[in-house]
Amino acid sequence: MNAAIEYWPFGVYVGAVVVVIAGKLLASHFLGERHRERVTGEAYESGILPTGTGRLRFSIKFFLIAILFVIFDLELVFIFAWAVAIHELGWPGFWGLMVFMGILTVGLIYEWRMGSLDWIPRRPANKRSRPSTLSSKPEPTR
């Protein structure tokens, strides 16, 4: 009985939150259905009217660069945590960070050598384009 008296403010708070959420959901349902206009369904971007469609095809290179950025940007989180605790970690922590940075550097070099960071694909060394000796155009007559 003593515990029930102790927690009654929390029960009132939870009840008030449920009532407020239910009220907002009901109000948005009833008010939103009546006032539906053509303009409210369109995208609004800084006052500029939309043109064209939003379904554009982007090159996979955009997404690949974004993923690589996220992967290699996360290292800053770990380096920041290391910098905060540098005094407690000492030399073992320093060498641990050096191993971590080495692994990341090897990964970056691998991505670079594989051509993941190149926008224009490299030509293979054995298939270089040579000027053709056969021309599709006829020789001009004199």
Protein backbone atom coordinates (compact mmCIF):
# COMPACT_ATOMS: atom_id res chain seq x y z
CA MET A 1 0.00 0.00 0.00
CA ASN A 2 2.86 2.34 0.78
CA ALA A 3 4.42 1.73 -2.67
CA ALA A 4 1.14 2.61 -4.45
CA ILE A 5 1.02 5.96 -2.68
CA GLU A 6 4.62 6.63 -3.61
CA TYR A 7 4.17 6.16 -7.37
CA TRP A 8 0.83 7.87 -7.98
CA PRO A 9 2.43 11.00 -9.57
CA PHE A 10 4.10 8.75 -12.15
CA GLY A 11 0.75 7.11 -12.94
CA VAL A 12 -0.88 10.52 -13.37
CA TYR A 13 1.97 11.58 -15.67
CA VAL A 14 1.66 8.45 -17.84
CA GLY A 15 -2.12 8.94 -18.05
CA ALA A 16 -1.68 12.58 -19.08
CA VAL A 17 0.84 11.63 -21.77
CA VAL A 18 -1.55 9.01 -23.20
CA VAL A 19 -4.42 11.51 -23.24
CA VAL A 20 -2.31 14.20 -24.95
CA ILE A 21 -1.01 11.78 -27.61
CA ALA A 22 -4.48 10.38 -28.29
CA GLY A 23 -5.89 13.91 -28.54
CA LYS A 24 -3.25 15.00 -31.03
CA LEU A 25 -3.74 11.90 -33.17
CA LEU A 26 -7.51 12.37 -33.22
CA ALA A 27 -7.23 16.08 -33.99
CA SER A 28 -4.79 15.49 -36.84
CA HIS A 29 -7.03 12.77 -38.29
CA PHE A 30 -10.17 14.89 -38.31
CA LEU A 31 -8.58 18.20 -39.23
CA GLY A 32 -6.23 16.76 -41.83
CA GLU A 33 -8.91 14.99 -43.88
CA ARG A 34 -11.10 18.07 -44.37
CA HIS A 35 -8.39 20.49 -45.35
CA ARG A 36 -6.61 18.43 -47.97
CA GLU A 37 -5.58 20.61 -50.89
CA ARG A 38 -3.53 19.99 -54.01
CA VAL A 39 -0.69 22.20 -52.81
CA THR A 40 -0.22 20.39 -49.50
CA GLY A 41 0.80 17.21 -51.31
CA GLU A 42 3.69 18.90 -53.13
CA ALA A 43 7.24 19.19 -51.92
CA TYR A 44 8.28 22.59 -50.59
CA GLU A 45 11.97 23.37 -50.74
CA SER A 46 12.87 26.89 -49.60
CA GLY A 47 10.08 28.50 -51.59
CA ILE A 48 11.16 27.06 -54.93
CA LEU A 49 8.43 25.34 -56.92
CA PRO A 50 9.27 21.75 -57.80
CA THR A 51 10.08 20.93 -61.42
CA GLY A 52 10.36 17.49 -62.91
CA THR A 53 10.27 14.30 -60.95
CA GLY A 54 12.13 13.28 -57.82
CA ARG A 55 12.97 9.90 -59.30
CA LEU A 56 16.35 10.64 -60.79
CA ARG A 57 18.94 8.01 -61.55
CA PHE A 58 22.28 8.67 -59.92
CA SER A 59 25.48 6.88 -60.65
CA ILE A 60 26.49 4.22 -58.14
CA LYS A 61 29.69 6.21 -57.61
CA PHE A 62 27.76 8.76 -55.52
CA PHE A 63 26.56 6.08 -53.14
CA LEU A 64 29.92 4.31 -53.04
CA ILE A 65 31.72 7.52 -52.11
CA ALA A 66 29.08 8.22 -49.44
CA ILE A 67 29.49 4.76 -47.90
CA LEU A 68 33.27 5.05 -47.93
CA PHE A 69 32.98 8.47 -46.31
CA VAL A 70 30.81 7.10 -43.51
CA ILE A 71 33.13 4.15 -42.94
CA PHE A 72 36.29 6.21 -42.81
CA ASP A 73 34.64 9.09 -40.96
CA LEU A 74 33.79 6.80 -38.06
CA GLU A 75 37.46 6.58 -37.30
CA LEU A 76 37.26 10.13 -35.99
CA VAL A 77 34.85 8.97 -33.29
CA PHE A 78 37.34 6.38 -32.09
CA ILE A 79 40.27 8.79 -32.33
CA PHE A 80 38.34 11.39 -30.34
CA ALA A 81 37.56 8.82 -27.64
CA TRP A 82 41.26 7.91 -27.58
CA ALA A 83 42.24 11.58 -27.29
CA VAL A 84 39.91 12.06 -24.32
CA ALA A 85 41.43 9.09 -22.47
CA ILE A 86 45.05 9.55 -23.60
CA HIS A 87 46.44 9.99 -20.09
CA GLU A 88 44.80 6.84 -18.75
CA LEU A 89 45.78 4.71 -21.76
CA GLY A 90 49.46 5.62 -21.93
CA TRP A 91 51.81 3.89 -24.38
CA PRO A 92 49.70 0.73 -24.84
CA GLY A 93 46.81 2.91 -25.91
CA PHE A 94 49.06 4.82 -28.30
CA TRP A 95 50.26 1.63 -29.98
CA GLY A 96 46.70 0.33 -30.12
CA LEU A 97 45.68 3.48 -31.97
CA MET A 98 48.63 3.10 -34.34
CA VAL A 99 47.50 -0.46 -35.19
CA PHE A 100 43.96 0.85 -35.74
CA MET A 101 45.22 3.66 -38.00
CA GLY A 102 47.39 1.17 -39.89
CA ILE A 103 44.43 -1.09 -40.60
CA LEU A 104 42.41 1.89 -41.80
CA THR A 105 45.28 3.06 -43.99
CA VAL A 106 45.60 -0.39 -45.56
CA GLY A 107 41.84 -0.36 -46.23
CA LEU A 108 42.00 3.07 -47.82
CA ILE A 109 44.94 2.06 -50.01
CA TYR A 110 43.04 -1.07 -51.06
CA GLU A 111 39.96 0.98 -52.02
CA TRP A 112 42.16 3.43 -53.91
CA ARG A 113 44.01 0.69 -55.82
CA MET A 114 40.76 -1.09 -56.70
CA GLY A 115 39.52 2.15 -58.29
CA SER A 116 36.63 2.75 -55.90
CA LEU A 117 37.59 6.40 -55.55
CA ASP A 118 37.96 7.04 -59.30
CA TRP A 119 35.11 8.76 -61.11
CA ILE A 120 36.36 7.69 -64.51
CA PRO A 121 37.15 3.98 -64.83
CA ARG A 122 40.72 3.09 -65.70
CA ARG A 123 41.48 1.21 -68.87
CA PRO A 124 43.13 -2.15 -68.44
CA ALA A 125 46.83 -2.09 -69.39
CA ASN A 126 46.48 -4.79 -72.04
CA LYS A 127 43.48 -3.20 -73.80
CA ARG A 128 44.72 0.23 -74.65
CA SER A 129 42.90 1.94 -77.46
CA ARG A 130 44.95 2.00 -80.60
CA PRO A 131 44.16 4.09 -83.63
CA SER A 132 42.51 1.91 -86.20
CA THR A 133 44.27 1.49 -89.54
CA LEU A 134 41.00 0.63 -91.21
CA SER A 135 38.85 3.65 -91.71
CA SER A 136 35.14 3.48 -92.28
CA LYS A 137 35.31 6.66 -94.35
CA PRO A 138 36.44 6.35 -97.94
CA GLU A 139 39.60 8.11 -98.98
CA PRO A 140 38.96 11.41 -100.73
CA THR A 141 39.60 11.29 -104.45
CA ARG A 142 41.68 13.93 -106.19
